[in-house]
PDB file of N, CA and C in Angstrom:
ATOM      1  N   MET A   1       0.848  -1.172   0.000  1.00  0.00           N
ATOM      2  CA  MET A   1       0.000   0.000   0.000  1.00  0.00           C
ATOM      3  C   MET A   1       0.892   1.233   0.000  1.00  0.00           C
ATOM      4  N   ARG A   2       0.548   2.237  -0.786  1.00  0.00           N
ATOM      5  CA  ARG A   2       1.380   3.421  -0.953  1.00  0.00           C
ATOM      6  C   ARG A   2       1.156   4.460   0.131  1.00  0.00           C
ATOM      7  N   GLY A   3      -0.001   4.497   0.751  1.00  0.00           N
ATOM      8  CA  GLY A   3      -0.290   5.489   1.776  1.00  0.00           C
ATOM      9  C   GLY A   3      -1.664   5.260   2.349  1.00  0.00           C
ATOM     10  N   PRO A   4      -1.994   5.941   3.440  1.00  0.00           N
ATOM     11  CA  PRO A   4      -3.306   5.753   4.032  1.00  0.00           C
ATOM     12  C   PRO A   4      -4.403   6.242   3.100  1.00  0.00           C
ATOM     13  N   THR A   5      -5.540   5.561   3.140  1.00  0.00           N
ATOM     14  CA  THR A   5      -6.634   5.943   2.265  1.00  0.00           C
ATOM     15  C   THR A   5      -7.926   6.083   3.046  1.00  0.00           C
ATOM     16  N   ARG A   6      -8.865   6.805   2.448  1.00  0.00           N
ATOM     17  CA  ARG A   6     -10.240   6.811   2.888  1.00  0.00           C
ATOM     18  C   ARG A   6     -11.021   6.182   1.760  1.00  0.00           C
ATOM     19  N   ALA A   7     -12.270   5.902   1.976  1.00  0.00           N
ATOM     20  CA  ALA A   7     -13.071   5.231   0.960  1.00  0.00           C
ATOM     21  C   ALA A   7     -13.114   6.004  -0.351  1.00  0.00           C
ATOM     22  N   ASP A   8     -13.093   7.328  -0.283  1.00  0.00           N
ATOM     23  CA  ASP A   8     -13.244   8.124  -1.493  1.00  0.00           C
ATOM     24  C   ASP A   8     -12.023   8.973  -1.826  1.00  0.00           C
ATOM     25  N   SER A   9     -10.875   8.675  -1.232  1.00  0.00           N
ATOM     26  CA  SER A   9      -9.678   9.455  -1.547  1.00  0.00           C
ATOM     27  C   SER A   9      -8.433   8.608  -1.310  1.00  0.00           C
ATOM     28  N   ALA A  10      -7.319   9.104  -1.847  1.00  0.00           N
ATOM     29  CA  ALA A  10      -6.047   8.404  -1.689  1.00  0.00           C
ATOM     30  C   ALA A  10      -4.935   9.422  -1.508  1.00  0.00           C
ATOM     31  N   LEU A  11      -3.953   9.037  -0.705  1.00  0.00           N
ATOM     32  CA  LEU A  11      -2.739   9.837  -0.556  1.00  0.00           C
ATOM     33  C   LEU A  11      -1.650   9.179  -1.383  1.00  0.00           C
ATOM     34  N   LEU A  12      -0.952   9.993  -2.153  1.00  0.00           N
ATOM     35  CA  LEU A  12       0.056   9.486  -3.062  1.00  0.00           C
ATOM     36  C   LEU A  12       1.352  10.257  -2.849  1.00  0.00           C
ATOM     37  N   ARG A  13       2.437   9.523  -2.644  1.00  0.00           N
ATOM     38  CA  ARG A  13       3.758  10.164  -2.551  1.00  0.00           C
ATOM     39  C   ARG A  13       4.263  10.386  -3.970  1.00  0.00           C
ATOM     40  N   VAL A  14       4.712  11.614  -4.236  1.00  0.00           N
ATOM     41  CA  VAL A  14       5.157  11.981  -5.579  1.00  0.00           C
ATOM     42  C   VAL A  14       6.495  12.691  -5.482  1.00  0.00           C
ATOM     43  N   ARG A  15       7.406  12.336  -6.361  1.00  0.00           N
ATOM     44  CA  ARG A  15       8.675  13.069  -6.506  1.00  0.00           C
ATOM     45  C   ARG A  15       8.627  13.764  -7.857  1.00  0.00           C
ATOM     46  N   VAL A  16       8.814  15.071  -7.854  1.00  0.00           N
ATOM     47  CA  VAL A  16       8.641  15.889  -9.054  1.00  0.00           C
ATOM     48  C   VAL A  16       9.988  16.308  -9.619  1.00  0.00           C
ATOM     49  N   GLN A  17      10.099  16.215 -10.936  1.00  0.00           N
ATOM     50  CA  GLN A  17      11.260  16.752 -11.644  1.00  0.00           C
ATOM     51  C   GLN A  17      10.760  17.912 -12.500  1.00  0.00           C
ATOM     52  N   PRO A  18      11.011  19.143 -12.081  1.00  0.00           N
ATOM     53  CA  PRO A  18      10.581  20.298 -12.880  1.00  0.00           C
ATOM     54  C   PRO A  18      11.497  20.513 -14.077  1.00  0.00           C
ATOM     55  N   ARG A  19      11.055  21.376 -14.988  1.00  0.00           N
ATOM     56  CA  ARG A  19      11.801  21.748 -16.194  1.00  0.00           C
ATOM     57  C   ARG A  19      12.116  20.560 -17.095  1.00  0.00           C
ATOM     58  N   ALA A  20      11.210  19.594 -17.141  1.00  0.00           N
ATOM     59  CA  ALA A  20      11.372  18.451 -18.032  1.00  0.00           C
ATOM     60  C   ALA A  20      10.921  18.847 -19.440  1.00  0.00           C
ATOM     61  N   SER A  21      11.216  18.006 -20.399  1.00  0.00           N
ATOM     62  CA  SER A  21      10.822  18.323 -21.773  1.00  0.00           C
ATOM     63  C   SER A  21       9.312  18.214 -21.972  1.00  0.00           C
ATOM     64  N   ARG A  22       8.629  17.415 -21.135  1.00  0.00           N
ATOM     65  CA  ARG A  22       7.169  17.289 -21.215  1.00  0.00           C
ATOM     66  C   ARG A  22       6.631  16.753 -19.898  1.00  0.00           C
ATOM     67  N   ASP A  23       5.333  16.863 -19.716  1.00  0.00           N
ATOM     68  CA  ASP A  23       4.679  16.308 -18.527  1.00  0.00           C
ATOM     69  C   ASP A  23       4.484  14.810 -18.743  1.00  0.00           C
ATOM     70  N   GLU A  24       4.978  14.002 -17.783  1.00  0.00           N
ATOM     71  CA  GLU A  24       4.835  12.555 -17.910  1.00  0.00           C
ATOM     72  C   GLU A  24       5.108  11.862 -16.585  1.00  0.00           C
ATOM     73  N   VAL A  25       4.599  10.639 -16.475  1.00  0.00           N
ATOM     74  CA  VAL A  25       4.912   9.786 -15.336  1.00  0.00           C
ATOM     75  C   VAL A  25       6.165   9.015 -15.687  1.00  0.00           C
ATOM     76  N   ALA A  26       7.159   9.059 -14.814  1.00  0.00           N
ATOM     77  CA  ALA A  26       8.427   8.384 -15.067  1.00  0.00           C
ATOM     78  C   ALA A  26       8.464   6.996 -14.440  1.00  0.00           C
ATOM     79  N   GLY A  27       7.466   6.656 -13.635  1.00  0.00           N
ATOM     80  CA  GLY A  27       7.417   5.327 -13.022  1.00  0.00           C
ATOM     81  C   GLY A  27       7.512   5.393 -11.513  1.00  0.00           C
ATOM     82  N   TRP A  28       7.642   4.228 -10.925  1.00  0.00           N
ATOM     83  CA  TRP A  28       7.718   4.110  -9.463  1.00  0.00           C
ATOM     84  C   TRP A  28       9.158   4.053  -9.006  1.00  0.00           C
ATOM     85  N   ASP A  29       9.439   4.659  -7.878  1.00  0.00           N
ATOM     86  CA  ASP A  29      10.714   4.557  -7.189  1.00  0.00           C
ATOM     87  C   ASP A  29      10.369   4.113  -5.781  1.00  0.00           C
ATOM     88  N   GLY A  30      10.280   2.805  -5.584  1.00  0.00           N
ATOM     89  CA  GLY A  30       9.796   2.286  -4.311  1.00  0.00           C
ATOM     90  C   GLY A  30       8.322   2.593  -4.171  1.00  0.00           C
ATOM     91  N   ALA A  31       7.960   3.320  -3.127  1.00  0.00           N
ATOM     92  CA  ALA A  31       6.563   3.685  -2.882  1.00  0.00           C
ATOM     93  C   ALA A  31       6.234   5.081  -3.390  1.00  0.00           C
ATOM     94  N   THR A  32       7.146   5.673  -4.160  1.00  0.00           N
ATOM     95  CA  THR A  32       6.973   7.048  -4.630  1.00  0.00           C
ATOM     96  C   THR A  32       6.791   7.067  -6.138  1.00  0.00           C
ATOM     97  N   LEU A  33       5.779   7.801  -6.601  1.00  0.00           N
ATOM     98  CA  LEU A  33       5.546   7.976  -8.023  1.00  0.00           C
ATOM     99  C   LEU A  33       6.418   9.123  -8.509  1.00  0.00           C
ATOM    100  N   ARG A  34       7.206   8.884  -9.545  1.00  0.00           N
ATOM    101  CA  ARG A  34       8.062   9.923 -10.116  1.00  0.00           C
ATOM    102  C   ARG A  34       7.328  10.555 -11.293  1.00  0.00           C
ATOM    103  N   VAL A  35       7.232  11.894 -11.262  1.00  0.00           N
ATOM    104  CA  VAL A  35       6.525  12.634 -12.296  1.00  0.00           C
ATOM    105  C   VAL A  35       7.421  13.770 -12.796  1.00  0.00           C
ATOM    106  N   ARG A  36       7.463  13.933 -14.101  1.00  0.00           N
ATOM    107  CA  ARG A  36       8.199  15.043 -14.712  1.00  0.00           C
ATOM    108  C   ARG A  36       7.190  16.075 -15.191  1.00  0.00           C
ATOM    109  N   VAL A  37       7.478  17.344 -14.921  1.00  0.00           N
ATOM    110  CA  VAL A  37       6.621  18.430 -15.411  1.00  0.00           C
ATOM    111  C   VAL A  37       7.475  19.446 -16.152  1.00  0.00           C
ATOM    112  N   HIS A  38       6.882  20.059 -17.156  1.00  0.00           N
ATOM    113  CA  HIS A  38       7.597  21.025 -17.992  1.00  0.00           C
ATOM    114  C   HIS A  38       7.818  22.352 -17.263  1.00  0.00           C
ATOM    115  N   ALA A  39       6.932  22.706 -16.359  1.00  0.00           N
ATOM    116  CA  ALA A  39       6.987  24.014 -15.685  1.00  0.00           C
ATOM    117  C   ALA A  39       8.212  24.136 -14.780  1.00  0.00           C
ATOM    118  N   ALA A  40       8.646  25.364 -14.617  1.00  0.00           N
ATOM    119  CA  ALA A  40       9.763  25.669 -13.720  1.00  0.00           C
ATOM    120  C   ALA A  40       9.242  25.831 -12.291  1.00  0.00           C
ATOM    121  N   PRO A  41      10.099  25.568 -11.302  1.00  0.00           N
ATOM    122  CA  PRO A  41       9.670  25.705  -9.911  1.00  0.00           C
ATOM    123  C   PRO A  41       9.733  27.158  -9.433  1.00  0.00           C
ATOM    124  N   VAL A  42       9.001  28.013 -10.108  1.00  0.00           N
ATOM    125  CA  VAL A  42       8.985  29.439  -9.795  1.00  0.00           C
ATOM    126  C   VAL A  42       7.545  29.842  -9.503  1.00  0.00           C
ATOM    127  N   ASP A  43       7.338  30.512  -8.389  1.00  0.00           N
ATOM    128  CA  ASP A  43       6.015  31.006  -8.014  1.00  0.00           C
ATOM    129  C   ASP A  43       4.946  29.914  -8.018  1.00  0.00           C
ATOM    130  N   GLY A  44       5.311  28.690  -7.670  1.00  0.00           N
ATOM    131  CA  GLY A  44       4.344  27.601  -7.577  1.00  0.00           C
ATOM    132  C   GLY A  44       3.897  27.025  -8.903  1.00  0.00           C
ATOM    133  N   GLU A  45       4.565  27.397 -10.005  1.00  0.00           N
ATOM    134  CA  GLU A  45       4.162  26.917 -11.326  1.00  0.00           C
ATOM    135  C   GLU A  45       4.304  25.409 -11.460  1.00  0.00           C
ATOM    136  N   ALA A  46       5.382  24.833 -10.929  1.00  0.00           N
ATOM    137  CA  ALA A  46       5.572  23.385 -11.030  1.00  0.00           C
ATOM    138  C   ALA A  46       4.512  22.648 -10.215  1.00  0.00           C
ATOM    139  N   ASN A  47       4.158  23.170  -9.052  1.00  0.00           N
ATOM    140  CA  ASN A  47       3.109  22.545  -8.241  1.00  0.00           C
ATOM    141  C   ASN A  47       1.773  22.590  -8.977  1.00  0.00           C
ATOM    142  N   ALA A  48       1.444  23.720  -9.555  1.00  0.00           N
ATOM    143  CA  ALA A  48       0.188  23.850 -10.290  1.00  0.00           C
ATOM    144  C   ALA A  48       0.166  22.910 -11.490  1.00  0.00           C
ATOM    145  N   ALA A  49       1.294  22.814 -12.191  1.00  0.00           N
ATOM    146  CA  ALA A  49       1.379  21.917 -13.344  1.00  0.00           C
ATOM    147  C   ALA A  49       1.238  20.461 -12.913  1.00  0.00           C
ATOM    148  N   LEU A  50       1.861  20.105 -11.800  1.00  0.00           N
ATOM    149  CA  LEU A  50       1.751  18.740 -11.283  1.00  0.00           C
ATOM    150  C   LEU A  50       0.306  18.394 -10.963  1.00  0.00           C
ATOM    151  N   LEU A  51      -0.382  19.256 -10.228  1.00  0.00           N
ATOM    152  CA  LEU A  51      -1.758  18.977  -9.828  1.00  0.00           C
ATOM    153  C   LEU A  51      -2.681  18.910 -11.039  1.00  0.00           C
ATOM    154  N   ALA A  52      -2.489  19.801 -12.001  1.00  0.00           N
ATOM    155  CA  ALA A  52      -3.309  19.774 -13.214  1.00  0.00           C
ATOM    156  C   ALA A  52      -3.041  18.504 -14.020  1.00  0.00           C
ATOM    157  N   PHE A  53      -1.782  18.108 -14.127  1.00  0.00           N
ATOM    158  CA  PHE A  53      -1.430  16.886 -14.853  1.00  0.00           C
ATOM    159  C   PHE A  53      -2.048  15.660 -14.195  1.00  0.00           C
ATOM    160  N   LEU A  54      -1.928  15.553 -12.869  1.00  0.00           N
ATOM    161  CA  LEU A  54      -2.499  14.404 -12.170  1.00  0.00           C
ATOM    162  C   LEU A  54      -4.019  14.372 -12.298  1.00  0.00           C
ATOM    163  N   ALA A  55      -4.664  15.519 -12.252  1.00  0.00           N
ATOM    164  CA  ALA A  55      -6.123  15.573 -12.412  1.00  0.00           C
ATOM    165  C   ALA A  55      -6.525  15.052 -13.792  1.00  0.00           C
ATOM    166  N   ARG A  56      -5.828  15.488 -14.835  1.00  0.00           N
ATOM    167  CA  ARG A  56      -6.123  15.003 -16.191  1.00  0.00           C
ATOM    168  C   ARG A  56      -5.852  13.506 -16.297  1.00  0.00           C
ATOM    169  N   ALA A  57      -4.718  13.081 -15.756  1.00  0.00           N
ATOM    170  CA  ALA A  57      -4.316  11.689 -15.873  1.00  0.00           C
ATOM    171  C   ALA A  57      -5.267  10.741 -15.143  1.00  0.00           C
ATOM    172  N   PHE A  58      -5.742  11.155 -13.984  1.00  0.00           N
ATOM    173  CA  PHE A  58      -6.636  10.300 -13.208  1.00  0.00           C
ATOM    174  C   PHE A  58      -8.105  10.546 -13.523  1.00  0.00           C
ATOM    175  N   ARG A  59      -8.360  11.465 -14.457  1.00  0.00           N
ATOM    176  CA  ARG A  59      -9.721  11.787 -14.887  1.00  0.00           C
ATOM    177  C   ARG A  59     -10.615  12.197 -13.722  1.00  0.00           C
ATOM    178  N   VAL A  60     -10.113  13.143 -12.936  1.00  0.00           N
ATOM    179  CA  VAL A  60     -10.879  13.735 -11.839  1.00  0.00           C
ATOM    180  C   VAL A  60     -10.811  15.249 -12.007  1.00  0.00           C
ATOM    181  N   PRO A  61     -11.751  15.983 -11.415  1.00  0.00           N
ATOM    182  CA  PRO A  61     -11.684  17.444 -11.500  1.00  0.00           C
ATOM    183  C   PRO A  61     -10.416  17.974 -10.839  1.00  0.00           C
ATOM    184  N   ARG A  62      -9.918  19.096 -11.327  1.00  0.00           N
ATOM    185  CA  ARG A  62      -8.707  19.696 -10.739  1.00  0.00           C
ATOM    186  C   ARG A  62      -8.895  19.961  -9.255  1.00  0.00           C
ATOM    187  N   SER A  63     -10.111  20.305  -8.843  1.00  0.00           N
ATOM    188  CA  SER A  63     -10.387  20.579  -7.433  1.00  0.00           C
ATOM    189  C   SER A  63     -10.296  19.328  -6.564  1.00  0.00           C
ATOM    190  N   ALA A  64     -10.257  18.156  -7.172  1.00  0.00           N
ATOM    191  CA  ALA A  64     -10.165  16.908  -6.415  1.00  0.00           C
ATOM    192  C   ALA A  64      -8.723  16.523  -6.095  1.00  0.00           C
ATOM    193  N   VAL A  65      -7.765  17.265  -6.630  1.00  0.00           N
ATOM    194  CA  VAL A  65      -6.345  16.964  -6.397  1.00  0.00           C
ATOM    195  C   VAL A  65      -5.753  18.105  -5.588  1.00  0.00           C
ATOM    196  N   ALA A  66      -5.168  17.763  -4.430  1.00  0.00           N
ATOM    197  CA  ALA A  66      -4.636  18.799  -3.545  1.00  0.00           C
ATOM    198  C   ALA A  66      -3.258  18.414  -3.034  1.00  0.00           C
ATOM    199  N   LEU A  67      -2.430  19.417  -2.880  1.00  0.00           N
ATOM    200  CA  LEU A  67      -1.107  19.236  -2.297  1.00  0.00           C
ATOM    201  C   LEU A  67      -1.249  19.254  -0.784  1.00  0.00           C
ATOM    202  N   VAL A  68      -0.871  18.160  -0.133  1.00  0.00           N
ATOM    203  CA  VAL A  68      -0.983  18.052   1.319  1.00  0.00           C
ATOM    204  C   VAL A  68       0.306  18.519   1.987  1.00  0.00           C
ATOM    205  N   ARG A  69       1.449  18.125   1.394  1.00  0.00           N
ATOM    206  CA  ARG A  69       2.740  18.461   1.986  1.00  0.00           C
ATOM    207  C   ARG A  69       3.794  18.541   0.885  1.00  0.00           C
ATOM    208  N   GLY A  70       4.775  19.408   1.069  1.00  0.00           N
ATOM    209  CA  GLY A  70       5.903  19.490   0.151  1.00  0.00           C
ATOM    210  C   GLY A  70       5.817  20.613  -0.857  1.00  0.00           C
ATOM    211  N   GLY A  71       5.193  21.701  -0.504  1.00  0.00           N
ATOM    212  CA  GLY A  71       5.036  22.821  -1.425  1.00  0.00           C
ATOM    213  C   GLY A  71       6.339  23.388  -1.950  1.00  0.00           C
ATOM    214  N   HIS A  72       7.425  23.273  -1.189  1.00  0.00           N
ATOM    215  CA  HIS A  72       8.719  23.828  -1.612  1.00  0.00           C
ATOM    216  C   HIS A  72       9.774  22.739  -1.736  1.00  0.00           C
ATOM    217  N   ALA A  73       9.341  21.496  -1.951  1.00  0.00           N
ATOM    218  CA  ALA A  73      10.280  20.377  -2.043  1.00  0.00           C
ATOM    219  C   ALA A  73       9.937  19.525  -3.254  1.00  0.00           C
ATOM    220  N   ARG A  74      10.863  18.687  -3.658  1.00  0.00           N
ATOM    221  CA  ARG A  74      10.593  17.762  -4.771  1.00  0.00           C
ATOM    222  C   ARG A  74       9.684  16.619  -4.333  1.00  0.00           C
ATOM    223  N   ASP A  75       9.824  16.204  -3.084  1.00  0.00           N
ATOM    224  CA  ASP A  75       8.993  15.122  -2.560  1.00  0.00           C
ATOM    225  C   ASP A  75       7.714  15.714  -1.990  1.00  0.00           C
ATOM    226  N   LYS A  76       6.586  15.242  -2.516  1.00  0.00           N
ATOM    227  CA  LYS A  76       5.290  15.818  -2.154  1.00  0.00           C
ATOM    228  C   LYS A  76       4.331  14.714  -1.733  1.00  0.00           C
ATOM    229  N   LEU A  77       3.312  15.108  -1.005  1.00  0.00           N
ATOM    230  CA  LEU A  77       2.213  14.222  -0.664  1.00  0.00           C
ATOM    231  C   LEU A  77       0.967  14.844  -1.274  1.00  0.00           C
ATOM    232  N   VAL A  78       0.289  14.088  -2.137  1.00  0.00           N
ATOM    233  CA  VAL A  78      -0.856  14.593  -2.883  1.00  0.00           C
ATOM    234  C   VAL A  78      -2.092  13.764  -2.524  1.00  0.00           C
ATOM    235  N   ARG A  79      -3.204  14.452  -2.265  1.00  0.00           N
ATOM    236  CA  ARG A  79      -4.477  13.766  -2.025  1.00  0.00           C
ATOM    237  C   ARG A  79      -5.319  13.847  -3.288  1.00  0.00           C
ATOM    238  N   VAL A  80      -5.865  12.681  -3.687  1.00  0.00           N
ATOM    239  CA  VAL A  80      -6.753  12.611  -4.843  1.00  0.00           C
ATOM    240  C   VAL A  80      -8.115  12.155  -4.337  1.00  0.00           C
ATOM    241  N   GLU A  81      -9.100  13.040  -4.418  1.00  0.00           N
ATOM    242  CA  GLU A  81     -10.464  12.728  -3.989  1.00  0.00           C
ATOM    243  C   GLU A  81     -11.202  12.036  -5.129  1.00  0.00           C
ATOM    244  N   GLY A  82     -12.087  11.141  -4.776  1.00  0.00           N
ATOM    245  CA  GLY A  82     -12.939  10.502  -5.777  1.00  0.00           C
ATOM    246  C   GLY A  82     -12.372   9.237  -6.372  1.00  0.00           C
ATOM    247  N   CYS A  83     -11.172   8.839  -5.976  1.00  0.00           N
ATOM    248  CA  CYS A  83     -10.554   7.604  -6.460  1.00  0.00           C
ATOM    249  C   CYS A  83      -9.880   6.905  -5.293  1.00  0.00           C
ATOM    250  N   SER A  84      -9.963   5.598  -5.297  1.00  0.00           N
ATOM    251  CA  SER A  84      -9.237   4.837  -4.279  1.00  0.00           C
ATOM    252  C   SER A  84      -7.787   4.685  -4.719  1.00  0.00           C
ATOM    253  N   LEU A  85      -6.940   4.348  -3.789  1.00  0.00           N
ATOM    254  CA  LEU A  85      -5.534   4.138  -4.115  1.00  0.00           C
ATOM    255  C   LEU A  85      -5.383   2.981  -5.099  1.00  0.00           C
ATOM    256  N   GLN A  86      -6.184   1.961  -4.957  1.00  0.00           N
ATOM    257  CA  GLN A  86      -6.121   0.811  -5.860  1.00  0.00           C
ATOM    258  C   GLN A  86      -6.478   1.227  -7.293  1.00  0.00           C
ATOM    259  N   THR A  87      -7.461   2.102  -7.447  1.00  0.00           N
ATOM    260  CA  THR A  87      -7.841   2.593  -8.768  1.00  0.00           C
ATOM    261  C   THR A  87      -6.700   3.389  -9.393  1.00  0.00           C
ATOM    262  N   LEU A  88      -6.073   4.262  -8.594  1.00  0.00           N
ATOM    263  CA  LEU A  88      -4.951   5.061  -9.109  1.00  0.00           C
ATOM    264  C   LEU A  88      -3.797   4.167  -9.531  1.00  0.00           C
ATOM    265  N   GLU A  89      -3.454   3.198  -8.700  1.00  0.00           N
ATOM    266  CA  GLU A  89      -2.356   2.288  -9.029  1.00  0.00           C
ATOM    267  C   GLU A  89      -2.664   1.479 -10.279  1.00  0.00           C
ATOM    268  N   ALA A  90      -3.909   1.058 -10.424  1.00  0.00           N
ATOM    269  CA  ALA A  90      -4.297   0.288 -11.606  1.00  0.00           C
ATOM    270  C   ALA A  90      -4.157   1.138 -12.862  1.00  0.00           C
ATOM    271  N   ARG A  91      -4.540   2.415 -12.806  1.00  0.00           N
ATOM    272  CA  ARG A  91      -4.417   3.296 -13.965  1.00  0.00           C
ATOM    273  C   ARG A  91      -2.952   3.541 -14.319  1.00  0.00           C
ATOM    274  N   ILE A  92      -2.123   3.664 -13.301  1.00  0.00           N
ATOM    275  CA  ILE A  92      -0.694   3.873 -13.544  1.00  0.00           C
ATOM    276  C   ILE A  92      -0.084   2.618 -14.173  1.00  0.00           C
ATOM    277  N   LYS A  93      -0.389   1.455 -13.603  1.00  0.00           N
ATOM    278  CA  LYS A  93       0.165   0.202 -14.121  1.00  0.00           C
ATOM    279  C   LYS A  93      -0.323  -0.113 -15.526  1.00  0.00           C
ATOM    280  N   ALA A  94      -1.541   0.286 -15.829  1.00  0.00           N
ATOM    281  CA  ALA A  94      -2.092   0.026 -17.160  1.00  0.00           C
ATOM    282  C   ALA A  94      -1.521   0.974 -18.216  1.00  0.00           C
ATOM    283  N   GLY A  95      -0.743   1.933 -17.756  1.00  0.00           N
ATOM    284  CA  GLY A  95      -0.127   2.870 -18.683  1.00  0.00           C
ATOM    285  C   GLY A  95      -1.073   3.910 -19.218  1.00  0.00           C
ATOM    286  N   LEU A  96      -2.129   4.190 -18.461  1.00  0.00           N
ATOM    287  CA  LEU A  96      -3.104   5.161 -18.913  1.00  0.00           C
ATOM    288  C   LEU A  96      -2.661   6.588 -18.661  1.00  0.00           C
ATOM    289  N   LEU A  97      -1.529   6.801 -18.030  1.00  0.00           N
ATOM    290  CA  LEU A  97      -1.075   8.150 -17.752  1.00  0.00           C
ATOM    291  C   LEU A  97      -0.192   8.611 -18.868  1.00  0.00           C
TER     292      LEU A  97
END
């Protein structure tokens, strides 16, 4: 299990690489999902890009994805409302991101 869950939400550990050539999931590093985003880490742009990318990838509204911890760090904790952790992991493993 990647993190504690509630019936309608999941916590996901994410490591972000800003200034990448494109937004993409780079895979798992242990229990942490590695994500590359094109935005620079200036004025919260990389955080906003990460949350928007995850919302699109998991097919949930942008308001359902929130940064819980790590606003100024590469390692973040993200809450995704409306999906269980098992659903998120299945979408990642199926290559739907």
